[in-house]
C-alpha atoms as a PDB file:
ATOM      1  CA  UNK A   1      78.154  88.113  75.193  1.00  0.00           C
ATOM      2  CA  UNK A   2      79.179  90.126  78.229  1.00  0.00           C
ATOM      3  CA  UNK A   3      79.727  93.736  77.169  1.00  0.00           C
ATOM      4  CA  UNK A   4      81.635  95.922  79.607  1.00  0.00           C
ATOM      5  CA  UNK A   5      79.387  98.918  78.920  1.00  0.00           C
ATOM      6  CA  UNK A   6      76.248  96.928  79.789  1.00  0.00           C
ATOM      7  CA  UNK A   7      77.872  95.519  82.916  1.00  0.00           C
ATOM      8  CA  UNK A   8      78.722  99.035  84.099  1.00  0.00           C
ATOM      9  CA  UNK A   9      75.207 100.321  83.410  1.00  0.00           C
ATOM     10  CA  UNK A  10      73.616  97.389  85.223  1.00  0.00           C
ATOM     11  CA  UNK A  11      75.890  97.739  88.262  1.00  0.00           C
ATOM     12  CA  UNK A  12      75.982 101.427  89.150  1.00  0.00           C
ATOM     13  CA  UNK A  13      76.955 100.527  92.732  1.00  0.00           C
ATOM     14  CA  UNK A  14      80.493  99.622  91.634  1.00  0.00           C
ATOM     15  CA  UNK A  15      82.977 101.971  93.297  1.00  0.00           C
ATOM     16  CA  UNK A  16      86.328 100.861  91.943  1.00  0.00           C
ATOM     17  CA  UNK A  17      88.191  98.983  89.272  1.00  0.00           C
ATOM     18  CA  UNK A  18      88.852  96.190  91.771  1.00  0.00           C
ATOM     19  CA  UNK A  19      85.091  95.812  92.304  1.00  0.00           C
ATOM     20  CA  UNK A  20      84.612  95.585  88.542  1.00  0.00           C
ATOM     21  CA  UNK A  21      87.373  92.989  88.242  1.00  0.00           C
ATOM     22  CA  UNK A  22      85.685  90.868  90.910  1.00  0.00           C
ATOM     23  CA  UNK A  23      82.312  91.197  89.182  1.00  0.00           C
ATOM     24  CA  UNK A  24      83.792  90.027  85.883  1.00  0.00           C
ATOM     25  CA  UNK A  25      85.259  86.968  87.630  1.00  0.00           C
ATOM     26  CA  UNK A  26      81.812  86.255  89.081  1.00  0.00           C
ATOM     27  CA  UNK A  27      80.115  86.568  85.686  1.00  0.00           C
ATOM     28  CA  UNK A  28      82.673  84.219  84.143  1.00  0.00           C
ATOM     29  CA  UNK A  29      82.146  81.647  86.876  1.00  0.00           C
ATOM     30  CA  UNK A  30      78.369  81.883  86.327  1.00  0.00           C
ATOM     31  CA  UNK A  31      78.788  80.697  82.755  1.00  0.00           C
ATOM     32  CA  UNK A  32      79.334  83.754  80.555  1.00  0.00           C
ATOM     33  CA  UNK A  33      81.304  82.510  77.566  1.00  0.00           C
ATOM     34  CA  UNK A  34      82.376  85.691  75.781  1.00  0.00           C
ATOM     35  CA  UNK A  35      83.548  89.093  76.970  1.00  0.00           C
ATOM     36  CA  UNK A  36      84.051  92.375  75.096  1.00  0.00           C
ATOM     37  CA  UNK A  37      85.684  95.565  76.387  1.00  0.00           C
ATOM     38  CA  UNK A  38      83.876  98.335  74.538  1.00  0.00           C
ATOM     39  CA  UNK A  39      84.478 101.234  76.953  1.00  0.00           C
ATOM     40  CA  UNK A  40      87.147 102.248  79.443  1.00  0.00           C
ATOM     41  CA  UNK A  41      86.021 101.840  83.068  1.00  0.00           C
ATOM     42  CA  UNK A  42      85.334 105.264  84.642  1.00  0.00           C
ATOM     43  CA  UNK A  43      87.027 104.626  87.990  1.00  0.00           C
ATOM     44  CA  UNK A  44      89.940 106.727  89.301  1.00  0.00           C
ATOM     45  CA  UNK A  45      91.887 103.548  90.130  1.00  0.00           C
ATOM     46  CA  UNK A  46      91.607 102.129  86.582  1.00  0.00           C
ATOM     47  CA  UNK A  47      95.154 101.088  85.587  1.00  0.00           C
ATOM     48  CA  UNK A  48      96.738 101.671  82.174  1.00  0.00           C
ATOM     49  CA  UNK A  49      96.514  97.961  81.405  1.00  0.00           C
ATOM     50  CA  UNK A  50      92.822  97.792  82.339  1.00  0.00           C
ATOM     51  CA  UNK A  51      91.808  95.859  79.226  1.00  0.00           C
ATOM     52  CA  UNK A  52      94.409  93.136  79.801  1.00  0.00           C
ATOM     53  CA  UNK A  53      93.474  92.838  83.464  1.00  0.00           C
ATOM     54  CA  UNK A  54      89.760  92.498  82.784  1.00  0.00           C
ATOM     55  CA  UNK A  55      90.366  89.950  80.034  1.00  0.00           C
ATOM     56  CA  UNK A  56      92.607  87.993  82.425  1.00  0.00           C
ATOM     57  CA  UNK A  57      89.950  88.160  85.149  1.00  0.00           C
ATOM     58  CA  UNK A  58      87.423  86.727  82.701  1.00  0.00           C
ATOM     59  CA  UNK A  59      89.596  83.970  81.206  1.00  0.00           C
ATOM     60  CA  UNK A  60      91.386  82.845  84.369  1.00  0.00           C
ATOM     61  CA  UNK A  61      88.130  81.363  85.656  1.00  0.00           C
ATOM     62  CA  UNK A  62      87.979  79.024  82.657  1.00  0.00           C
ATOM     63  CA  UNK A  63      91.581  77.964  83.140  1.00  0.00           C
ATOM     64  CA  UNK A  64      90.910  77.206  86.803  1.00  0.00           C
ATOM     65  CA  UNK A  65      87.796  75.180  85.976  1.00  0.00           C
ATOM     66  CA  UNK A  66      89.646  73.010  83.501  1.00  0.00           C
ATOM     67  CA  UNK A  67      92.697  72.479  85.680  1.00  0.00           C
ATOM     68  CA  UNK A  68      90.700  71.610  88.779  1.00  0.00           C
ATOM     69  CA  UNK A  69      88.123  69.514  86.937  1.00  0.00           C
ATOM     70  CA  UNK A  70      85.384  71.014  89.090  1.00  0.00           C
ATOM     71  CA  UNK A  71      82.851  71.224  86.270  1.00  0.00           C
ATOM     72  CA  UNK A  72      82.598  74.979  85.728  1.00  0.00           C
ATOM     73  CA  UNK A  73      80.180  75.695  82.932  1.00  0.00           C
ATOM     74  CA  UNK A  74      82.434  77.897  80.791  1.00  0.00           C
ATOM     75  CA  UNK A  75      84.184  74.872  79.277  1.00  0.00           C
ATOM     76  CA  UNK A  76      87.418  76.580  78.250  1.00  0.00           C
ATOM     77  CA  UNK A  77      90.602  74.550  78.445  1.00  0.00           C
ATOM     78  CA  UNK A  78      92.830  77.397  79.543  1.00  0.00           C
ATOM     79  CA  UNK A  79      95.611  78.548  77.249  1.00  0.00           C
ATOM     80  CA  UNK A  80      94.579  76.142  74.482  1.00  0.00           C
ATOM     81  CA  UNK A  81      91.249  77.916  74.210  1.00  0.00           C
ATOM     82  CA  UNK A  82      89.296  74.911  72.919  1.00  0.00           C
ATOM     83  CA  UNK A  83      85.772  74.181  73.987  1.00  0.00           C
ATOM     84  CA  UNK A  84      85.295  71.142  76.214  1.00  0.00           C
ATOM     85  CA  UNK A  85      81.577  70.825  76.244  1.00  0.00           C
END
């Protein structure tokens, strides 16, 4: 499980919400299967819809992997949300 609070503590070099969003995409592409937003990101550029954006950053990787058939390890079939392997 990828907890937002742990990710922030382990990556103190992050300077912006956009950096955090990119890191979450990276973690998803590396095989993280679950994500939980347990704190609000502390960056001045954090938008009101921060939770939705971070969830989308995490899940979009799985949708891309399924659609492209490139073998990403997350195994999510996109909007159906079923496991593929």
